[in-house]
Amino acid sequence: MRVSPTVTDFLLLAVLTAAIGVGWLLGKRSVSRTLNLWDFGASPPSQYYRGLNFLLDGSQDSAIDAFTKALEVNAETFDTHIALGNILRRRGEVERAIKVHQNLLARPSLPLAQLHLSHLELARDYISAGLLDRSERLLKDLVAESGDHQRVAQRHLLEIYEAQRDWNQAMLIATELLPRRGLLKAKSSEAEEVGQPVPILLAHYCCEKAEAAVAQLDYQAGRNYLQQALKYDAASVRATMTLGDLEIKADNPERAIKVLKSLAHQEPGFVAESVPLLKQAFYALDRREEFLAYLEDCLRRAPNTPLILAIAFELRDAAGATAAKTFLRQHLQKKPSLRGLELLMQLHSQSEVGEDEALELATINKLVAGRSSYRCGHCGFRGQQLHWHCPGCKHWGSIRDLSATGEIGYV
């Protein structure tokens, strides 16, 4: 996919132009030192001037081509070529980025560290292009040969295995990335590493494997994976909810209730997400009043719109629409929300709803349907449902229902 140039792209290319000029000068100086023939009057090659003209005319693609031809590949101009390839990749011109980085790898005279970096950048190009098999081969070579880039390469391998949903391979790599025991503190490369903590990743991988086991009705294997997930990350909301769902499917409602109640201590904002599962478990044991009492207790400790709605539904079924409306009116004064108002109007009887009210309800329905209450805390992705793996930034467990966390009270 090709991205149209932006002001930022133009500025980057302008900086790159200067870098290429310096790179050409350094490259020439290096050769001249060898020959002891340093000529301060020498001029850059004609391709360099052509590139400047293209850049000034706004022809960025032609400028890049001209600069690439102008700059000889050597150890001193290496960083400039790397920068050029990265600019192309960010602009979506992955094929051209691949050519730049492949051109670097065709220079075996470069220092080994620079060849390793070229491998890494080419692997990133392949990931951007969707050529995951090629990227995997390069990254595995880096893991085996390059100590400096080993952990970064392993992180990129995790990206590939997640995309392929190969959870066994992902767990193998992630386990290798765990901090080594017995060390007083992690190495600087581990402490400053970009990406989510490895235990969190491993917990989600275990949950993926558990869900696959449950789909095959292998409940014990599912339990084992989820217990392992909670060992990696004791705060894993997903593991707790998945375990509660498993126990319901395995006809253990009492155990499911115990598991799901722990969410109130893990992360109160997720209690509302467990309401459908809790309702199944309490109803299976014919303990409806206890279910309502539990929801009311959770609401007192952490008020939020989804819990208010859940309690209103329970009151409607248990005591009638009038009790539910009284409860909603009371809480809408404290915590106004469109979803609460929508339910209140839906609870009105036919005799209470005129043409004006029907129009207002239809308008509110459209407003509620158009709102995305779920948002990723890492990239800002918005959606209508909970995803454990953000479709935008690919972070795990970063999406929350904002109406449950209290960040927005009008949904």
Protein backbone atom coordinates (compact mmCIF):
# COMPACT_ATOMS: atom_id res chain seq x y z
CA MET A 1 0.00 0.00 0.00
CA ARG A 2 1.37 3.34 -1.01
CA VAL A 3 0.94 6.34 1.29
CA SER A 4 0.72 9.85 -0.13
CA PRO A 5 3.65 12.09 0.84
CA THR A 6 3.21 14.42 3.78
CA VAL A 7 5.02 17.48 5.08
CA THR A 8 6.84 15.16 7.48
CA ASP A 9 8.01 13.01 4.54
CA PHE A 10 9.33 16.11 2.78
CA LEU A 11 11.23 17.25 5.87
CA LEU A 12 12.67 13.77 6.33
CA LEU A 13 13.83 13.76 2.74
CA ALA A 14 15.35 17.20 3.18
CA VAL A 15 17.33 15.93 6.16
CA LEU A 16 18.22 12.85 4.16
CA THR A 17 19.54 15.07 1.37
CA ALA A 18 21.96 16.71 3.76
CA ALA A 19 22.92 13.32 5.18
CA ILE A 20 23.62 11.98 1.71
CA GLY A 21 25.82 14.97 0.99
CA VAL A 22 27.77 14.36 4.18
CA GLY A 23 27.82 10.63 3.45
CA TRP A 24 29.22 11.23 -0.04
CA LEU A 25 31.84 13.58 1.42
CA LEU A 26 32.85 11.07 4.08
CA GLY A 27 32.98 8.26 1.56
CA LYS A 28 35.16 10.31 -0.78
CA ARG A 29 37.36 11.42 2.10
CA SER A 30 37.86 7.80 3.15
CA VAL A 31 38.94 6.84 -0.37
CA SER A 32 41.12 9.92 -0.68
CA ARG A 33 42.90 9.16 2.56
CA THR A 34 43.73 5.74 1.19
CA LEU A 35 45.12 7.30 -1.96
CA ASN A 36 46.49 10.32 -0.07
CA LEU A 37 44.80 12.48 -2.70
CA TRP A 38 42.24 14.56 -0.74
CA ASP A 39 40.79 17.12 -3.15
CA PHE A 40 38.81 19.84 -1.38
CA GLY A 41 37.70 21.18 -4.71
CA ALA A 42 35.98 17.98 -5.83
CA SER A 43 32.26 18.18 -6.54
CA PRO A 44 29.52 15.70 -5.70
CA PRO A 45 28.33 13.50 -8.54
CA SER A 46 25.72 14.85 -10.96
CA GLN A 47 23.08 12.49 -9.55
CA TYR A 48 23.29 14.37 -6.25
CA TYR A 49 22.42 17.68 -7.93
CA ARG A 50 19.65 15.99 -9.88
CA GLY A 51 18.24 14.72 -6.60
CA LEU A 52 18.29 18.23 -5.14
CA ASN A 53 16.39 19.56 -8.15
CA PHE A 54 13.80 16.82 -7.91
CA LEU A 55 13.34 17.50 -4.20
CA LEU A 56 12.89 21.24 -4.75
CA ASP A 57 10.38 20.53 -7.52
CA GLY A 58 8.39 18.28 -5.21
CA SER A 59 9.24 15.09 -7.13
CA GLN A 60 10.11 13.02 -4.09
CA ASP A 61 10.11 9.64 -5.85
CA SER A 62 12.60 10.84 -8.46
CA ALA A 63 14.67 12.49 -5.74
CA ILE A 64 14.96 9.20 -3.84
CA ASP A 65 16.05 7.35 -6.98
CA ALA A 66 18.69 9.98 -7.78
CA PHE A 67 20.07 10.03 -4.24
CA THR A 68 20.27 6.23 -4.17
CA LYS A 69 22.37 6.24 -7.32
CA ALA A 70 24.55 9.09 -6.03
CA LEU A 71 25.59 7.49 -2.76
CA GLU A 72 28.12 4.69 -2.82
CA VAL A 73 27.59 1.92 -0.27
CA ASN A 74 30.36 1.70 2.31
CA ALA A 75 30.73 1.56 6.07
CA GLU A 76 30.59 5.36 6.42
CA THR A 77 27.47 5.85 4.28
CA PHE A 78 25.67 2.82 5.70
CA ASP A 79 23.49 4.76 8.15
CA THR A 80 22.22 6.98 5.36
CA HIS A 81 21.11 3.97 3.31
CA ILE A 82 19.39 2.51 6.37
CA ALA A 83 17.56 5.82 6.94
CA LEU A 84 16.48 5.92 3.30
CA GLY A 85 15.08 2.39 3.44
CA ASN A 86 13.20 3.13 6.65
CA ILE A 87 11.64 6.28 5.14
CA LEU A 88 10.44 4.24 2.18
CA ARG A 89 8.95 1.58 4.47
CA ARG A 90 7.11 4.18 6.56
CA ARG A 91 5.72 5.71 3.38
CA GLY A 92 4.34 2.32 2.38
CA GLU A 93 6.83 1.81 -0.48
CA VAL A 94 7.92 -1.55 0.85
CA GLU A 95 9.25 -2.95 -2.43
CA ARG A 96 11.68 -0.05 -2.79
CA ALA A 97 12.71 -0.37 0.87
CA ILE A 98 13.45 -4.04 0.24
CA LYS A 99 15.68 -3.14 -2.70
CA VAL A 100 17.65 -0.63 -0.61
CA HIS A 101 18.25 -3.12 2.20
CA GLN A 102 19.01 -5.98 -0.19
CA ASN A 103 21.58 -3.71 -1.83
CA LEU A 104 23.30 -3.39 1.54
CA LEU A 105 23.39 -7.14 2.04
CA ALA A 106 25.04 -7.51 -1.35
CA ARG A 107 28.12 -5.79 0.14
CA PRO A 108 29.94 -8.53 2.11
CA SER A 109 32.79 -6.10 2.77
CA LEU A 110 30.62 -4.23 5.29
CA PRO A 111 31.34 -4.88 9.00
CA LEU A 112 29.40 -7.80 10.47
CA ALA A 113 27.40 -5.53 12.80
CA GLN A 114 26.15 -3.53 9.82
CA LEU A 115 25.24 -6.67 7.89
CA HIS A 116 23.22 -7.87 10.89
CA LEU A 117 21.37 -4.55 11.04
CA SER A 118 20.64 -4.83 7.31
CA HIS A 119 19.18 -8.29 7.94
CA LEU A 120 16.97 -6.86 10.68
CA GLU A 121 15.68 -3.99 8.53
CA LEU A 122 15.03 -6.34 5.61
CA ALA A 123 13.08 -8.64 7.93
CA ARG A 124 10.97 -5.64 8.99
CA ASP A 125 10.37 -4.84 5.31
CA TYR A 126 9.15 -8.39 4.73
CA ILE A 127 6.77 -8.17 7.71
CA SER A 128 5.32 -4.94 6.30
CA ALA A 129 4.91 -6.64 2.92
CA GLY A 130 3.22 -9.68 4.50
CA LEU A 131 6.08 -11.97 3.47
CA LEU A 132 6.18 -13.63 6.86
CA ASP A 133 8.04 -16.80 5.80
CA ARG A 134 10.96 -14.80 4.42
CA SER A 135 11.05 -12.58 7.48
CA GLU A 136 10.97 -15.61 9.79
CA ARG A 137 14.05 -17.13 8.11
CA LEU A 138 16.04 -13.88 8.45
CA LEU A 139 15.01 -13.38 12.06
CA LYS A 140 15.94 -16.94 13.03
CA ASP A 141 19.39 -16.37 11.51
CA LEU A 142 19.75 -13.19 13.57
CA VAL A 143 18.73 -14.97 16.77
CA ALA A 144 21.45 -17.55 16.12
CA GLU A 145 24.20 -15.18 14.96
CA SER A 146 23.67 -11.69 16.39
CA GLY A 147 23.80 -11.11 20.12
CA ASP A 148 23.09 -7.40 19.74
CA HIS A 149 19.87 -7.92 17.79
CA GLN A 150 18.79 -11.24 19.26
CA ARG A 151 15.99 -9.99 21.51
CA VAL A 152 14.68 -7.54 18.92
CA ALA A 153 14.58 -10.37 16.38
CA GLN A 154 12.74 -12.58 18.86
CA ARG A 155 10.16 -9.83 19.42
CA HIS A 156 9.55 -9.67 15.67
CA LEU A 157 9.21 -13.46 15.59
CA LEU A 158 6.44 -13.10 18.17
CA GLU A 159 4.65 -10.71 15.78
CA ILE A 160 4.85 -13.34 13.04
CA TYR A 161 3.64 -16.22 15.20
CA GLU A 162 0.78 -14.13 16.56
CA ALA A 163 -0.29 -13.26 13.01
CA GLN A 164 -0.12 -16.97 12.12
CA ARG A 165 -1.83 -17.94 15.40
CA ASP A 166 1.01 -20.39 16.04
CA TRP A 167 0.76 -20.26 19.83
CA ASN A 168 3.21 -23.13 20.42
CA GLN A 169 6.02 -21.30 18.63
CA ALA A 170 5.02 -18.02 20.23
CA MET A 171 5.27 -19.56 23.69
CA LEU A 172 8.70 -21.05 22.92
CA ILE A 173 10.08 -17.66 21.87
CA ALA A 174 8.39 -15.76 24.70
CA THR A 175 9.76 -18.22 27.27
CA GLU A 176 13.26 -17.51 25.96
CA LEU A 177 12.59 -13.78 26.45
CA LEU A 178 11.68 -14.16 30.13
CA PRO A 179 14.14 -12.42 32.48
CA ARG A 180 16.82 -14.80 33.63
CA ARG A 181 16.48 -15.95 37.20
CA GLY A 182 19.33 -15.49 39.59
CA LEU A 183 20.34 -12.09 38.25
CA LEU A 184 20.02 -9.14 40.62
CA LYS A 185 18.68 -7.05 37.77
CA ALA A 186 17.89 -7.56 34.12
CA LYS A 187 20.35 -6.62 31.44
CA SER A 188 19.88 -3.12 30.06
CA SER A 189 18.68 -4.59 26.75
CA GLU A 190 15.90 -6.36 28.62
CA ALA A 191 14.98 -3.46 30.91
CA GLU A 192 14.71 -0.96 28.03
CA GLU A 193 13.01 -3.38 25.63
CA VAL A 194 10.11 -2.05 23.58
CA GLY A 195 6.89 -4.03 23.82
CA GLN A 196 4.59 -5.48 26.43
CA PRO A 197 6.03 -7.44 29.36
CA VAL A 198 6.66 -11.03 28.36
CA PRO A 199 4.59 -12.59 31.22
CA ILE A 200 1.52 -10.72 29.94
CA LEU A 201 2.11 -12.10 26.44
CA LEU A 202 2.54 -15.63 27.77
CA ALA A 203 -0.69 -15.36 29.76
CA HIS A 204 -2.62 -14.46 26.62
CA TYR A 205 -0.98 -17.25 24.63
CA CYS A 206 -2.07 -19.70 27.33
CA CYS A 207 -5.61 -18.29 27.09
CA GLU A 208 -5.60 -18.85 23.32
CA LYS A 209 -4.57 -22.45 23.82
CA ALA A 210 -7.18 -22.87 26.57
CA GLU A 211 -9.96 -21.58 24.31
CA ALA A 212 -8.90 -24.07 21.63
CA ALA A 213 -8.97 -26.89 24.19
CA VAL A 214 -12.44 -25.89 25.42
CA ALA A 215 -13.68 -25.83 21.82
CA GLN A 216 -12.61 -29.50 21.68
CA LEU A 217 -14.42 -30.15 25.02
CA ASP A 218 -11.08 -30.86 26.71
CA TYR A 219 -11.90 -28.96 29.89
CA GLN A 220 -9.01 -30.27 31.96
CA ALA A 221 -6.45 -29.16 29.40
CA GLY A 222 -8.19 -25.80 29.33
CA ARG A 223 -7.95 -25.50 33.12
CA ASN A 224 -4.26 -26.36 33.03
CA TYR A 225 -3.54 -23.64 30.45
CA LEU A 226 -5.55 -21.05 32.38
CA GLN A 227 -3.87 -21.89 35.66
CA GLN A 228 -0.55 -21.44 33.88
CA ALA A 229 -1.77 -18.11 32.51
CA LEU A 230 -2.54 -16.90 36.04
CA LYS A 231 0.93 -17.96 37.15
CA TYR A 232 2.44 -15.77 34.45
CA ASP A 233 0.06 -12.89 35.18
CA ALA A 234 -2.00 -13.07 38.36
CA ALA A 235 -3.95 -9.99 37.21
CA SER A 236 -5.05 -11.60 33.93
CA VAL A 237 -8.72 -10.69 33.61
CA ARG A 238 -8.98 -12.74 30.44
CA ALA A 239 -7.77 -15.89 32.18
CA THR A 240 -10.29 -15.42 34.98
CA MET A 241 -13.22 -14.80 32.65
CA THR A 242 -12.23 -17.70 30.39
CA LEU A 243 -11.95 -20.01 33.41
CA GLY A 244 -15.40 -18.92 34.60
CA ASP A 245 -16.84 -19.63 31.16
CA LEU A 246 -15.09 -23.03 31.11
CA GLU A 247 -16.62 -24.03 34.46
CA ILE A 248 -20.10 -23.11 33.24
CA LYS A 249 -19.61 -25.22 30.11
CA ALA A 250 -18.30 -28.04 32.30
CA ASP A 251 -21.49 -27.80 34.43
CA ASN A 252 -19.71 -26.44 37.50
CA PRO A 253 -21.73 -23.24 38.22
CA GLU A 254 -20.65 -23.04 41.87
CA ARG A 255 -16.99 -23.03 40.86
CA ALA A 256 -17.73 -20.55 38.06
CA ILE A 257 -19.25 -18.08 40.54
CA LYS A 258 -16.23 -18.32 42.82
CA VAL A 259 -13.86 -17.70 39.92
CA LEU A 260 -15.82 -14.81 38.43
CA LYS A 261 -16.27 -13.05 41.76
CA SER A 262 -12.49 -12.63 41.93
CA LEU A 263 -12.77 -10.05 39.11
CA ALA A 264 -14.03 -7.53 41.65
CA HIS A 265 -10.54 -7.61 43.21
CA GLN A 266 -8.56 -8.06 39.99
CA GLU A 267 -10.11 -5.21 38.04
CA PRO A 268 -13.53 -3.82 39.08
CA GLY A 269 -14.07 -2.25 35.65
CA PHE A 270 -14.45 -5.73 34.18
CA VAL A 271 -17.18 -6.96 36.55
CA ALA A 272 -19.84 -5.79 34.08
CA GLU A 273 -18.24 -7.93 31.35
CA SER A 274 -18.78 -11.00 33.53
CA VAL A 275 -22.49 -10.32 34.16
CA PRO A 276 -23.80 -12.66 31.40
CA LEU A 277 -21.61 -15.50 32.69
CA LEU A 278 -22.53 -14.83 36.32
CA LYS A 279 -26.21 -14.76 35.40
CA GLN A 280 -25.92 -18.20 33.79
CA ALA A 281 -24.20 -19.62 36.86
CA PHE A 282 -26.55 -18.10 39.48
CA TYR A 283 -29.64 -19.00 37.48
CA ALA A 284 -28.42 -22.59 37.08
CA LEU A 285 -28.39 -22.81 40.90
CA ASP A 286 -31.71 -20.91 41.21
CA ARG A 287 -30.02 -18.17 43.25
CA ARG A 288 -31.39 -15.11 41.46
CA GLU A 289 -31.77 -12.95 44.55
CA GLU A 290 -28.13 -13.59 45.47
CA PHE A 291 -27.11 -12.58 41.93
CA LEU A 292 -28.94 -9.25 42.25
CA ALA A 293 -27.45 -8.64 45.69
CA TYR A 294 -23.95 -9.28 44.34
CA LEU A 295 -24.45 -6.80 41.49
CA GLU A 296 -25.74 -4.17 43.92
CA ASP A 297 -22.71 -4.69 46.15
CA CYS A 298 -20.37 -4.28 43.17
CA LEU A 299 -22.20 -1.09 42.16
CA ARG A 300 -21.72 0.39 45.63
CA ARG A 301 -17.99 -0.26 45.46
CA ALA A 302 -17.44 0.82 41.84
CA PRO A 303 -20.40 2.64 40.23
CA ASN A 304 -20.60 2.41 36.44
CA THR A 305 -23.22 2.47 33.69
CA PRO A 306 -23.09 -1.21 32.59
CA LEU A 307 -23.75 -2.39 36.17
CA ILE A 308 -26.65 0.03 36.53
CA LEU A 309 -28.20 -1.37 33.36
CA ALA A 310 -27.63 -4.98 34.47
CA ILE A 311 -29.35 -4.32 37.82
CA ALA A 312 -32.25 -2.56 36.08
CA PHE A 313 -32.81 -5.60 33.87
CA GLU A 314 -32.78 -7.89 36.90
CA LEU A 315 -35.24 -5.65 38.77
CA ARG A 316 -37.55 -5.62 35.76
CA ASP A 317 -37.61 -9.41 35.67
CA ALA A 318 -37.86 -9.85 39.44
CA ALA A 319 -40.09 -6.96 40.57
CA GLY A 320 -41.50 -5.40 37.41
CA ALA A 321 -40.93 -2.38 35.20
CA THR A 322 -41.94 0.16 37.88
CA ALA A 323 -39.14 -0.96 40.23
CA ALA A 324 -36.63 -0.87 37.40
CA LYS A 325 -37.71 2.64 36.35
CA THR A 326 -37.48 3.94 39.92
CA PHE A 327 -33.97 2.53 40.22
CA LEU A 328 -32.90 4.00 36.88
CA ARG A 329 -34.28 7.48 37.65
CA GLN A 330 -32.41 7.49 40.94
CA HIS A 331 -29.08 6.57 39.36
CA LEU A 332 -29.47 8.69 36.22
CA GLN A 333 -29.54 11.76 38.47
CA LYS A 334 -26.16 10.74 39.90
CA LYS A 335 -24.65 9.34 36.71
CA PRO A 336 -26.38 10.49 33.50
CA SER A 337 -25.97 8.22 30.47
CA LEU A 338 -27.60 7.77 27.08
CA ARG A 339 -27.80 4.02 27.55
CA GLY A 340 -29.58 4.46 30.87
CA LEU A 341 -32.03 6.94 29.38
CA GLU A 342 -32.63 4.60 26.44
CA LEU A 343 -33.52 1.72 28.78
CA LEU A 344 -35.74 3.97 30.92
CA MET A 345 -37.79 4.98 27.88
CA GLN A 346 -37.99 1.37 26.70
CA LEU A 347 -39.50 0.42 30.06
CA HIS A 348 -42.42 2.80 29.58
CA SER A 349 -45.71 1.14 28.79
CA GLN A 350 -47.59 1.80 25.54
CA SER A 351 -49.92 4.23 27.32
CA GLU A 352 -46.93 6.28 28.50
CA VAL A 353 -45.33 6.60 25.07
CA GLY A 354 -46.69 9.20 22.66
CA GLU A 355 -45.43 10.25 19.25
CA ASP A 356 -42.92 12.69 20.74
CA GLU A 357 -41.52 10.10 23.12
CA ALA A 358 -41.25 7.53 20.32
CA LEU A 359 -39.27 10.00 18.22
CA GLU A 360 -36.99 10.79 21.17
CA LEU A 361 -36.41 7.08 21.80
CA ALA A 362 -35.57 6.47 18.13
CA THR A 363 -33.10 9.37 18.24
CA ILE A 364 -31.45 8.06 21.40
CA ASN A 365 -31.24 4.57 19.86
CA LYS A 366 -29.32 6.01 16.91
CA LEU A 367 -26.98 7.97 19.18
CA VAL A 368 -26.21 4.92 21.31
CA ALA A 369 -25.72 2.68 18.26
CA GLY A 370 -23.28 5.18 16.77
CA ARG A 371 -21.10 5.36 19.86
CA SER A 372 -18.06 3.16 20.40
CA SER A 373 -17.61 2.71 24.12
CA TYR A 374 -14.61 0.36 23.84
CA ARG A 375 -11.21 1.99 23.37
CA CYS A 376 -7.63 0.80 23.33
CA GLY A 377 -5.55 2.54 25.96
CA HIS A 378 -2.44 2.18 23.81
CA CYS A 379 -3.42 3.36 20.31
CA GLY A 380 -6.93 4.80 20.78
CA PHE A 381 -8.69 2.21 18.58
CA ARG A 382 -12.45 2.33 19.14
CA GLY A 383 -15.00 -0.42 18.70
CA GLN A 384 -18.39 -1.75 19.75
CA GLN A 385 -17.08 -4.89 21.47
CA LEU A 386 -14.26 -6.15 23.65
CA HIS A 387 -11.20 -7.51 21.86
CA TRP A 388 -8.41 -9.14 23.85
CA HIS A 389 -5.98 -8.40 20.99
CA CYS A 390 -6.30 -4.82 19.71
CA PRO A 391 -6.99 -4.83 15.94
CA GLY A 392 -5.14 -1.52 15.68
CA CYS A 393 -1.83 -1.77 17.55
CA LYS A 394 -1.86 -5.53 18.30
CA HIS A 395 -1.47 -4.95 22.03
CA TRP A 396 -2.91 -7.58 24.34
CA GLY A 397 -5.53 -6.69 26.97
CA SER A 398 -5.40 -2.95 26.29
CA ILE A 399 -9.09 -2.41 25.38
CA ARG A 400 -11.56 -1.25 28.00
CA ASP A 401 -15.23 -0.31 28.17
CA LEU A 402 -14.95 3.40 28.98
CA SER A 403 -18.42 3.54 30.51
CA ALA A 404 -17.32 0.87 33.00
CA THR A 405 -14.06 2.60 33.88
CA GLY A 406 -15.80 5.91 34.46
CA GLU A 407 -13.94 7.82 31.75
CA ILE A 408 -17.18 8.66 29.95
CA GLY A 409 -20.51 8.78 31.74
CA TYR A 410 -22.71 9.75 28.82
CA VAL A 411 -22.62 6.42 26.95
